[in-house]
Protein backbone atom coordinates (compact mmCIF):
# COMPACT_ATOMS: atom_id res chain seq x y z
CA MET A 1 197.76 14.60 -102.60
CA GLU A 2 197.40 11.39 -101.10
CA MET A 3 194.50 8.26 -101.85
CA SER A 4 194.65 4.69 -101.35
CA ARG A 5 194.54 2.92 -104.15
CA GLU A 6 191.34 1.19 -103.59
CA ARG A 7 189.87 4.79 -103.85
CA PHE A 8 191.72 5.56 -107.25
CA GLU A 9 190.45 2.32 -108.83
CA GLU A 10 187.33 3.06 -107.57
CA LEU A 11 188.04 6.54 -108.97
CA VAL A 12 188.88 4.88 -112.69
CA GLY A 13 185.60 2.99 -112.35
CA ASP A 14 183.13 5.48 -112.02
CA ALA A 15 185.12 7.64 -115.27
CA LEU A 16 184.11 4.72 -116.95
CA ASP A 17 180.84 4.87 -115.64
CA GLU A 18 180.66 8.18 -116.96
CA VAL A 19 181.96 7.08 -120.95
CA PRO A 20 178.71 6.87 -123.22
CA GLU A 21 177.81 2.73 -123.36
CA GLU A 22 177.60 3.30 -126.77
CA LEU A 23 181.71 3.90 -126.87
CA LEU A 24 182.19 0.85 -124.56
CA ALA A 25 180.66 -1.56 -126.44
CA LEU A 26 182.48 -0.60 -129.50
CA MET A 27 185.86 -1.25 -127.32
CA SER A 28 187.32 -4.32 -128.13
CA ASN A 29 190.35 -6.68 -126.92
CA VAL A 30 191.18 -3.95 -124.42
CA VAL A 31 191.92 -4.12 -120.48
CA ILE A 32 192.10 -0.74 -118.90
CA LEU A 33 194.56 -1.31 -115.31
CA VAL A 34 195.60 0.98 -112.67
CA GLU A 35 199.65 1.05 -112.30
CA ASP A 36 201.36 2.95 -109.39
CA ASP A 37 204.27 4.55 -111.37
CA PRO A 38 205.10 4.57 -115.26
CA PRO A 39 208.14 2.90 -117.00
CA PRO A 40 211.36 4.78 -115.14
CA GLY A 41 212.28 8.49 -117.26
CA GLU A 42 208.57 8.42 -118.33
CA ASP A 43 206.52 11.45 -117.44
CA LEU A 44 203.04 10.19 -118.18
CA LEU A 45 199.66 10.09 -116.60
CA GLY A 46 198.13 6.87 -118.58
CA LEU A 47 199.66 5.28 -121.58
CA TYR A 48 197.80 3.02 -124.57
CA GLU A 49 199.61 0.35 -125.61
CA GLY A 50 198.57 -1.79 -128.26
CA HIS A 51 196.64 -1.70 -131.71
CA ALA A 52 194.17 1.01 -132.28
CA LEU A 53 191.01 -0.14 -133.70
CA THR A 54 191.75 1.90 -136.55
CA GLU A 55 194.67 -0.35 -137.69
CA ARG A 56 193.74 -3.38 -136.78
CA GLY A 57 193.23 -5.13 -140.48
CA TRP A 58 192.10 -8.69 -141.36
CA ASP A 59 194.74 -10.05 -140.14
CA TYR A 60 194.32 -8.85 -136.34
CA ALA A 61 193.93 -12.05 -134.50
CA GLY A 62 195.12 -14.12 -131.85
CA VAL A 63 196.85 -11.27 -129.94
CA LEU A 64 196.75 -10.08 -126.52
CA PRO A 65 194.63 -7.40 -125.15
CA ASP A 66 195.57 -3.77 -125.51
CA ARG A 67 196.30 -2.23 -122.09
CA ILE A 68 195.06 0.96 -121.12
CA LEU A 69 197.91 2.27 -117.92
CA ILE A 70 196.18 4.81 -115.65
CA TYR A 71 199.21 5.76 -113.10
CA ARG A 72 198.59 6.49 -109.81
CA ASN A 73 201.52 8.81 -108.54
CA PRO A 74 201.88 10.88 -110.76
CA ILE A 75 198.35 11.75 -111.27
CA LEU A 76 198.30 12.48 -107.53
CA CYS A 77 201.13 13.96 -107.74
CA ILE A 78 199.95 16.80 -109.56
CA CYS A 79 196.36 17.15 -107.72
CA ASP A 80 195.59 19.48 -104.74
CA ASP A 81 192.40 17.76 -103.60
CA ASP A 82 189.85 14.68 -104.31
CA GLU A 83 188.21 16.87 -106.92
CA ASP A 84 191.41 17.36 -108.93
CA VAL A 85 191.94 14.02 -109.06
CA VAL A 86 187.97 12.75 -110.00
CA ASP A 87 189.02 15.65 -112.36
CA GLU A 88 192.69 14.22 -113.87
CA VAL A 89 191.35 10.57 -113.74
CA ALA A 90 188.32 11.17 -115.78
CA VAL A 91 190.74 13.11 -118.18
CA THR A 92 192.99 10.26 -118.42
CA VAL A 93 190.91 7.95 -119.01
CA VAL A 94 188.90 9.60 -122.24
CA HIS A 95 192.55 10.34 -123.17
CA GLU A 96 193.85 7.06 -123.61
CA ILE A 97 190.34 5.29 -124.46
CA ALA A 98 190.57 7.86 -127.52
CA HIS A 99 193.73 6.33 -128.41
CA HIS A 100 192.00 2.96 -128.55
CA PHE A 101 189.90 4.62 -131.11
CA GLY A 102 193.07 6.13 -133.40
CA ILE A 103 192.43 9.25 -132.23
CA ASP A 104 196.23 10.76 -131.93
CA ASP A 105 197.23 13.58 -128.93
CA ALA A 106 197.56 16.18 -131.97
CA ARG A 107 193.47 15.58 -132.45
CA LEU A 108 192.98 15.68 -128.27
CA HIS A 109 194.29 18.71 -127.72
CA GLU A 110 192.53 20.32 -130.50
CA LEU A 111 189.48 18.90 -128.99
CA GLY A 112 190.21 20.32 -125.57
CA TRP A 113 191.26 16.79 -124.35
CA GLY A 114 194.84 17.35 -123.75
């Protein structure tokens, strides 16, 4: 599956538009970025790097923003058409936002987002 980076970034933006505003308002000190590929040797569609909201204490200050990375090429590789990409981007964005809120992979799988 091929898709321009610009179109892929639009789909990430569309996925964010579908996240309830109440949740987006609770997100703190986090940036969402699109990268072409994960680090070498990693088999990832997305990655959350940082300190989940549930782990932040009184000493959380002066740190760089957390990062949610959405990896374009791995997502495109597992999709057959535009509709598949839209769905996979949406699932990946929700998955990584959940990590920002302290929800781990095991719980996401229980909830059907794994």
